[in-house]
Amino acid sequence: VRLVESGGGLVQPGESLTLSCEVSGFLPDGYGIGWFRQVPGEEREGVSCLPSRNGDPYYLDAVEGRFTISRDTTKNMVYLQMNSLKPEDTGVYYCVADSIRCSYYYPWEWVPGFEYDYWGQGTQVTVSS
């Protein structure tokens, strides 16, 4: 499985960006998929994910109401629509997939020692005036 992100860039506060993640290879239906981000010197944080089965998407509190995650299974694509961007949204955004995470018992978060199954190479998002 290969995850390839695109759509990052430099925007001003209040503007929008849409990140895309192309999924190639066979990703079984039981995998959750979503986005992490990382700022240099800080831990990665889970931003949003879609559970493997029917259920509500997860959003980090800091992005709730501003970001929307979606998936187009016909195109093997996952998207993150980011509106009303803030400087604190700056970071490298990674598309990630895992067989157990993004669920009630296994939340979408950075856990030292736990290895998520698949990571993309990341795309830089910079929000600055």
Foldseek 3Di string as FASTA:
>chain_A
DAKAKDWADEAAAQAKTKMKIADDDDDDLLKKKAKWWDDPPDDIWGAWIDGSDDDDIDGDPVQPPFWDWDADVVRRMIMIIGGRDDQVVWGWMKIFMANPEPDPVHHRTDDPPDDGDYIHPTDTHGYHD
